[in-house]
Amino acid sequence: MIYLHNKNVRRITELLTSIKSKNQDLLNSNEELERYAYILSHDLKSPINNIVSFANLSKKRIKAGEFDDLDTFMSFVKSSGIKMNELANSVLDYAILNKTYGKKEAVNLNETLQETFRSK
């Protein structure tokens, strides 16, 4: 049988509490990451679908010898590519901010607004 001193019991309790807290933080972070991935996936599909659609239209028009709309189609392809690039940059920004500033916390916007208007 193992006997523990009160000091050891307290330390083990503190460690278990810390582990539980970190585990909950990890679960919350994973849920947030899943939501973000879902939103990002949805947002990326639109420009990808546009690029594929206008590439297919362009191919059909070229085969038919019709070149009038190609400039317009390429403009849509270009703007969709730019949108995808912006989304990729947003992902990078999010990752950097999350790593740099760490844990997020709730902010009372009413208090923030009141402080902002008081300072002017």
Protein backbone atom coordinates (compact mmCIF):
# COMPACT_ATOMS: atom_id res chain seq x y z
CA MET A 1 0.00 0.00 0.00
CA ILE A 2 1.26 3.48 -0.90
CA TYR A 3 0.83 6.34 1.50
CA LEU A 4 0.84 9.90 0.17
CA HIS A 5 1.49 13.04 2.11
CA ASN A 6 -0.98 15.90 1.88
CA LYS A 7 1.61 17.85 -0.10
CA ASN A 8 1.79 15.10 -2.72
CA VAL A 9 -1.98 14.74 -2.87
CA ARG A 10 -2.35 18.47 -3.48
CA ARG A 11 0.30 18.41 -6.22
CA ILE A 12 -1.38 15.46 -7.94
CA THR A 13 -4.74 17.23 -7.70
CA GLU A 14 -3.22 20.39 -9.20
CA LEU A 15 -1.68 18.39 -12.04
CA LEU A 16 -4.95 16.59 -12.76
CA THR A 17 -6.83 19.89 -12.78
CA SER A 18 -4.26 21.35 -15.15
CA ILE A 19 -4.49 18.31 -17.44
CA LYS A 20 -8.29 18.54 -17.50
CA SER A 21 -8.12 22.25 -18.31
CA LYS A 22 -5.60 21.75 -21.11
CA ASN A 23 -7.64 18.86 -22.47
CA GLN A 24 -10.75 21.07 -22.58
CA ASP A 25 -8.74 23.83 -24.29
CA LEU A 26 -7.57 21.29 -26.88
CA LEU A 27 -11.13 20.04 -27.46
CA ASN A 28 -12.34 23.64 -27.93
CA SER A 29 -9.47 24.39 -30.29
CA ASN A 30 -10.21 21.29 -32.35
CA GLU A 31 -13.89 22.24 -32.61
CA GLU A 32 -12.94 25.74 -33.74
CA LEU A 33 -10.51 24.31 -36.29
CA GLU A 34 -13.21 21.98 -37.65
CA ARG A 35 -15.63 24.91 -38.04
CA TYR A 36 -12.95 27.00 -39.74
CA ALA A 37 -12.02 24.14 -42.11
CA TYR A 38 -15.68 23.66 -43.03
CA ILE A 39 -16.15 27.37 -43.78
CA LEU A 40 -12.88 27.55 -45.71
CA SER A 41 -13.77 24.48 -47.75
CA HIS A 42 -17.13 26.00 -48.62
CA ASP A 43 -15.58 29.36 -49.52
CA LEU A 44 -12.91 27.76 -51.75
CA LYS A 45 -15.44 25.71 -53.71
CA SER A 46 -17.06 28.75 -55.29
CA PRO A 47 -13.97 30.14 -57.07
CA ILE A 48 -12.83 26.63 -57.99
CA ASN A 49 -16.23 25.87 -59.54
CA ASN A 50 -16.08 29.18 -61.43
CA ILE A 51 -12.63 28.40 -62.82
CA VAL A 52 -13.67 24.91 -63.93
CA SER A 53 -16.93 26.15 -65.47
CA PHE A 54 -15.34 29.00 -67.42
CA ALA A 55 -12.46 26.79 -68.55
CA ASN A 56 -15.01 24.29 -69.91
CA LEU A 57 -16.99 27.06 -71.61
CA SER A 58 -13.80 28.43 -73.13
CA LYS A 59 -12.83 25.01 -74.43
CA LYS A 60 -16.25 24.54 -76.06
CA ARG A 61 -16.13 28.00 -77.65
CA ILE A 62 -12.62 27.45 -78.98
CA LYS A 63 -13.65 24.12 -80.54
CA ALA A 64 -16.63 25.85 -82.14
CA GLY A 65 -14.40 28.66 -83.43
CA GLU A 66 -16.24 31.25 -81.32
CA PHE A 67 -13.83 33.61 -79.64
CA ASP A 68 -16.04 36.60 -78.76
CA ASP A 69 -16.68 35.66 -75.12
CA LEU A 70 -13.20 34.33 -74.27
CA ASP A 71 -11.98 37.65 -72.87
CA THR A 72 -14.98 37.78 -70.53
CA PHE A 73 -14.51 34.15 -69.52
CA MET A 74 -10.82 34.73 -68.75
CA SER A 75 -11.76 37.75 -66.61
CA PHE A 76 -13.98 35.49 -64.51
CA VAL A 77 -11.19 32.90 -64.26
CA LYS A 78 -8.74 35.60 -63.20
CA SER A 79 -11.06 37.09 -60.57
CA SER A 80 -11.76 33.61 -59.18
CA GLY A 81 -8.01 32.93 -58.98
CA ILE A 82 -7.53 36.24 -57.15
CA LYS A 83 -10.32 35.27 -54.73
CA MET A 84 -8.64 31.92 -54.04
CA ASN A 85 -5.34 33.71 -53.41
CA GLU A 86 -7.07 36.05 -50.94
CA LEU A 87 -8.58 33.05 -49.15
CA ALA A 88 -5.17 31.36 -48.96
CA ASN A 89 -3.67 34.56 -47.52
CA SER A 90 -6.50 34.73 -44.98
CA VAL A 91 -5.70 31.19 -43.84
CA LEU A 92 -2.05 32.16 -43.40
CA ASP A 93 -3.00 35.34 -41.53
CA TYR A 94 -5.31 33.35 -39.26
CA ALA A 95 -2.58 30.81 -38.52
CA ILE A 96 -0.04 33.53 -37.75
CA LEU A 97 -2.43 35.51 -35.54
CA ASN A 98 -3.52 32.40 -33.70
CA LYS A 99 0.09 31.38 -33.06
CA THR A 100 1.26 34.90 -32.19
CA TYR A 101 -1.55 35.93 -29.87
CA GLY A 102 -2.49 32.52 -28.55
CA LYS A 103 -5.63 31.94 -26.62
CA LYS A 104 -8.71 33.98 -27.42
CA GLU A 105 -10.90 35.46 -24.79
CA ALA A 106 -14.39 36.88 -24.72
CA VAL A 107 -14.66 40.65 -24.92
CA ASN A 108 -17.58 42.73 -23.75
CA LEU A 109 -18.22 44.93 -26.77
CA ASN A 110 -20.54 47.22 -24.84
CA GLU A 111 -17.73 48.10 -22.44
CA THR A 112 -15.27 48.51 -25.30
CA LEU A 113 -17.61 50.87 -27.15
CA GLN A 114 -18.30 52.88 -23.98
CA GLU A 115 -14.58 53.25 -23.33
CA THR A 116 -14.00 54.27 -26.94
CA PHE A 117 -16.65 56.98 -26.85
CA ARG A 118 -15.50 58.23 -23.42
CA SER A 119 -11.96 58.74 -24.69
CA LYS A 120 -13.05 60.99 -27.57
